[in-house]
């Protein structure tokens, strides 16, 4: 059975928060082919793929946020305050997929200058 994994980026994401889980699923897939299908996605992308800049300045290719189903959703940590529009899109997208069959995780820390991260992102930490 293939497990669909969504790794969600945003402008200012932490490269390690994305590379670590991606490498772990890649290695697992090598040992058990057909187990995982990874999608690296980001909000605000209008074409098939585009590049999203990390907090360090390196960019990764991502596709637009899309419907699943996804078994696991991982939202990369980092400087999400660079784009509150991206944060709002991620929250709305994740809330549409909220349910008992899905696991959602927030990776790293989302620094908040004034206040806390959005409610859905706090809930995703659990």
C-alpha atoms as a PDB file:
ATOM      1  CA  UNK A   1       0.000   0.000   0.000  1.00  0.00           C
ATOM      2  CA  UNK A   2       1.434   3.354  -1.026  1.00  0.00           C
ATOM      3  CA  UNK A   3       1.390   6.081   1.616  1.00  0.00           C
ATOM      4  CA  UNK A   4       1.008   9.592   0.210  1.00  0.00           C
ATOM      5  CA  UNK A   5       3.161  12.155   2.002  1.00  0.00           C
ATOM      6  CA  UNK A   6       2.770  15.931   1.535  1.00  0.00           C
ATOM      7  CA  UNK A   7       5.718  18.142   2.482  1.00  0.00           C
ATOM      8  CA  UNK A   8       4.545  21.752   2.465  1.00  0.00           C
ATOM      9  CA  UNK A   9       6.996  24.619   1.977  1.00  0.00           C
ATOM     10  CA  UNK A  10       6.563  28.364   2.342  1.00  0.00           C
ATOM     11  CA  UNK A  11       8.845  31.337   1.647  1.00  0.00           C
ATOM     12  CA  UNK A  12      11.541  31.290   4.348  1.00  0.00           C
ATOM     13  CA  UNK A  13      11.225  27.558   5.160  1.00  0.00           C
ATOM     14  CA  UNK A  14      14.069  25.834   7.018  1.00  0.00           C
ATOM     15  CA  UNK A  15      16.026  23.686   4.576  1.00  0.00           C
ATOM     16  CA  UNK A  16      16.807  21.034   7.204  1.00  0.00           C
ATOM     17  CA  UNK A  17      13.124  20.713   8.154  1.00  0.00           C
ATOM     18  CA  UNK A  18      12.427  19.717   4.571  1.00  0.00           C
ATOM     19  CA  UNK A  19      15.565  17.806   3.631  1.00  0.00           C
ATOM     20  CA  UNK A  20      15.577  15.559   6.718  1.00  0.00           C
ATOM     21  CA  UNK A  21      12.094  14.052   6.343  1.00  0.00           C
ATOM     22  CA  UNK A  22      12.457  13.882   2.550  1.00  0.00           C
ATOM     23  CA  UNK A  23      15.691  11.884   2.897  1.00  0.00           C
ATOM     24  CA  UNK A  24      14.115   9.576   5.503  1.00  0.00           C
ATOM     25  CA  UNK A  25      11.177   8.740   3.214  1.00  0.00           C
ATOM     26  CA  UNK A  26      13.540   8.366   0.250  1.00  0.00           C
ATOM     27  CA  UNK A  27      15.622   5.800   2.160  1.00  0.00           C
ATOM     28  CA  UNK A  28      12.512   3.945   3.344  1.00  0.00           C
ATOM     29  CA  UNK A  29      11.289   3.808  -0.255  1.00  0.00           C
ATOM     30  CA  UNK A  30      14.609   2.291  -1.357  1.00  0.00           C
ATOM     31  CA  UNK A  31      14.260  -0.549   1.139  1.00  0.00           C
ATOM     32  CA  UNK A  32      10.564  -1.107   0.414  1.00  0.00           C
ATOM     33  CA  UNK A  33       9.734   0.121  -3.099  1.00  0.00           C
ATOM     34  CA  UNK A  34       6.156   1.228  -3.596  1.00  0.00           C
ATOM     35  CA  UNK A  35       5.686   2.288   0.034  1.00  0.00           C
ATOM     36  CA  UNK A  36       5.812   6.088  -0.179  1.00  0.00           C
ATOM     37  CA  UNK A  37       4.958   8.778  -2.676  1.00  0.00           C
ATOM     38  CA  UNK A  38       6.221  12.227  -1.725  1.00  0.00           C
ATOM     39  CA  UNK A  39       4.819  15.529  -2.932  1.00  0.00           C
ATOM     40  CA  UNK A  40       6.675  18.759  -2.194  1.00  0.00           C
ATOM     41  CA  UNK A  41       4.097  21.519  -2.406  1.00  0.00           C
ATOM     42  CA  UNK A  42       3.720  25.203  -1.619  1.00  0.00           C
ATOM     43  CA  UNK A  43       0.937  27.797  -1.674  1.00  0.00           C
ATOM     44  CA  UNK A  44       0.742  30.473  -4.337  1.00  0.00           C
ATOM     45  CA  UNK A  45       2.142  28.393  -7.197  1.00  0.00           C
ATOM     46  CA  UNK A  46       0.182  28.776 -10.427  1.00  0.00           C
ATOM     47  CA  UNK A  47       2.077  26.474 -12.777  1.00  0.00           C
ATOM     48  CA  UNK A  48       3.150  22.826 -12.631  1.00  0.00           C
ATOM     49  CA  UNK A  49       6.277  23.587 -10.595  1.00  0.00           C
ATOM     50  CA  UNK A  50       8.016  26.641  -9.220  1.00  0.00           C
ATOM     51  CA  UNK A  51      10.868  27.385  -6.863  1.00  0.00           C
ATOM     52  CA  UNK A  52      10.402  28.368  -3.211  1.00  0.00           C
ATOM     53  CA  UNK A  53      13.225  30.189  -1.404  1.00  0.00           C
ATOM     54  CA  UNK A  54      14.437  28.890   1.973  1.00  0.00           C
ATOM     55  CA  UNK A  55      15.566  31.060   4.896  1.00  0.00           C
ATOM     56  CA  UNK A  56      19.161  30.496   3.700  1.00  0.00           C
ATOM     57  CA  UNK A  57      18.403  31.609   0.153  1.00  0.00           C
ATOM     58  CA  UNK A  58      18.519  28.193  -1.545  1.00  0.00           C
ATOM     59  CA  UNK A  59      15.394  27.302  -3.481  1.00  0.00           C
ATOM     60  CA  UNK A  60      13.570  24.009  -3.932  1.00  0.00           C
ATOM     61  CA  UNK A  61      11.116  23.035  -6.632  1.00  0.00           C
ATOM     62  CA  UNK A  62       7.526  22.585  -5.467  1.00  0.00           C
ATOM     63  CA  UNK A  63       4.145  22.020  -7.020  1.00  0.00           C
ATOM     64  CA  UNK A  64       0.896  23.786  -6.098  1.00  0.00           C
ATOM     65  CA  UNK A  65      -1.086  22.689  -3.052  1.00  0.00           C
ATOM     66  CA  UNK A  66      -3.468  19.996  -4.229  1.00  0.00           C
ATOM     67  CA  UNK A  67      -6.089  17.603  -3.048  1.00  0.00           C
ATOM     68  CA  UNK A  68      -4.927  14.326  -1.565  1.00  0.00           C
ATOM     69  CA  UNK A  69      -5.662  12.039  -0.145  1.00  0.00           C
ATOM     70  CA  UNK A  70      -2.574  12.314   2.035  1.00  0.00           C
ATOM     71  CA  UNK A  71      -1.650   9.938   4.811  1.00  0.00           C
ATOM     72  CA  UNK A  72       0.776  12.426   6.341  1.00  0.00           C
ATOM     73  CA  UNK A  73       1.142  16.204   5.943  1.00  0.00           C
ATOM     74  CA  UNK A  74       4.402  17.808   7.097  1.00  0.00           C
ATOM     75  CA  UNK A  75       4.604  21.618   7.185  1.00  0.00           C
ATOM     76  CA  UNK A  76       8.191  22.816   7.158  1.00  0.00           C
ATOM     77  CA  UNK A  77       9.224  25.232   9.893  1.00  0.00           C
ATOM     78  CA  UNK A  78      11.032  28.469   9.319  1.00  0.00           C
ATOM     79  CA  UNK A  79      10.328  32.129   8.827  1.00  0.00           C
ATOM     80  CA  UNK A  80       6.698  31.850   7.785  1.00  0.00           C
ATOM     81  CA  UNK A  81       6.240  35.495   8.758  1.00  0.00           C
ATOM     82  CA  UNK A  82       7.889  36.350   5.431  1.00  0.00           C
ATOM     83  CA  UNK A  83       4.504  35.625   3.861  1.00  0.00           C
ATOM     84  CA  UNK A  84       1.394  35.675   6.000  1.00  0.00           C
ATOM     85  CA  UNK A  85      -0.632  35.030   2.830  1.00  0.00           C
ATOM     86  CA  UNK A  86       1.245  31.724   2.452  1.00  0.00           C
ATOM     87  CA  UNK A  87       0.588  30.902   6.130  1.00  0.00           C
ATOM     88  CA  UNK A  88      -3.127  31.558   5.705  1.00  0.00           C
ATOM     89  CA  UNK A  89      -3.275  29.422   2.562  1.00  0.00           C
ATOM     90  CA  UNK A  90      -1.464  26.549   4.302  1.00  0.00           C
ATOM     91  CA  UNK A  91      -3.791  26.735   7.310  1.00  0.00           C
ATOM     92  CA  UNK A  92      -6.914  26.767   5.114  1.00  0.00           C
ATOM     93  CA  UNK A  93      -5.583  23.889   3.002  1.00  0.00           C
ATOM     94  CA  UNK A  94      -4.622  21.807   6.072  1.00  0.00           C
ATOM     95  CA  UNK A  95      -7.970  22.430   7.770  1.00  0.00           C
ATOM     96  CA  UNK A  96      -9.769  21.097   4.690  1.00  0.00           C
ATOM     97  CA  UNK A  97      -7.820  17.860   5.149  1.00  0.00           C
ATOM     98  CA  UNK A  98      -8.240  17.668   8.920  1.00  0.00           C
ATOM     99  CA  UNK A  99      -9.581  14.267   9.913  1.00  0.00           C
ATOM    100  CA  UNK A 100      -8.820  11.105  11.860  1.00  0.00           C
ATOM    101  CA  UNK A 101      -7.172   9.367   8.894  1.00  0.00           C
ATOM    102  CA  UNK A 102      -4.584  12.097   8.416  1.00  0.00           C
ATOM    103  CA  UNK A 103      -1.502  12.956  10.406  1.00  0.00           C
ATOM    104  CA  UNK A 104      -0.346  16.550  10.337  1.00  0.00           C
ATOM    105  CA  UNK A 105       2.948  17.752  11.763  1.00  0.00           C
ATOM    106  CA  UNK A 106       4.613  21.094  12.058  1.00  0.00           C
ATOM    107  CA  UNK A 107       8.369  20.811  11.684  1.00  0.00           C
ATOM    108  CA  UNK A 108      10.815  23.122  13.390  1.00  0.00           C
ATOM    109  CA  UNK A 109       9.714  26.391  14.925  1.00  0.00           C
ATOM    110  CA  UNK A 110       7.502  29.046  13.465  1.00  0.00           C
ATOM    111  CA  UNK A 111       8.778  32.278  15.011  1.00  0.00           C
ATOM    112  CA  UNK A 112       6.033  34.757  15.707  1.00  0.00           C
ATOM    113  CA  UNK A 113       7.006  38.388  16.048  1.00  0.00           C
ATOM    114  CA  UNK A 114       3.813  39.516  17.707  1.00  0.00           C
ATOM    115  CA  UNK A 115       1.765  36.659  19.075  1.00  0.00           C
ATOM    116  CA  UNK A 116       1.443  33.003  18.327  1.00  0.00           C
ATOM    117  CA  UNK A 117       1.371  31.135  15.033  1.00  0.00           C
ATOM    118  CA  UNK A 118      -2.091  30.530  13.568  1.00  0.00           C
ATOM    119  CA  UNK A 119      -4.330  28.223  15.601  1.00  0.00           C
ATOM    120  CA  UNK A 120      -4.236  25.377  13.061  1.00  0.00           C
ATOM    121  CA  UNK A 121      -0.426  25.388  13.072  1.00  0.00           C
ATOM    122  CA  UNK A 122      -0.329  25.256  16.891  1.00  0.00           C
ATOM    123  CA  UNK A 123      -2.759  22.345  16.810  1.00  0.00           C
ATOM    124  CA  UNK A 124      -0.607  20.574  14.193  1.00  0.00           C
ATOM    125  CA  UNK A 125       2.298  20.404  16.666  1.00  0.00           C
ATOM    126  CA  UNK A 126       0.502  17.777  18.759  1.00  0.00           C
END
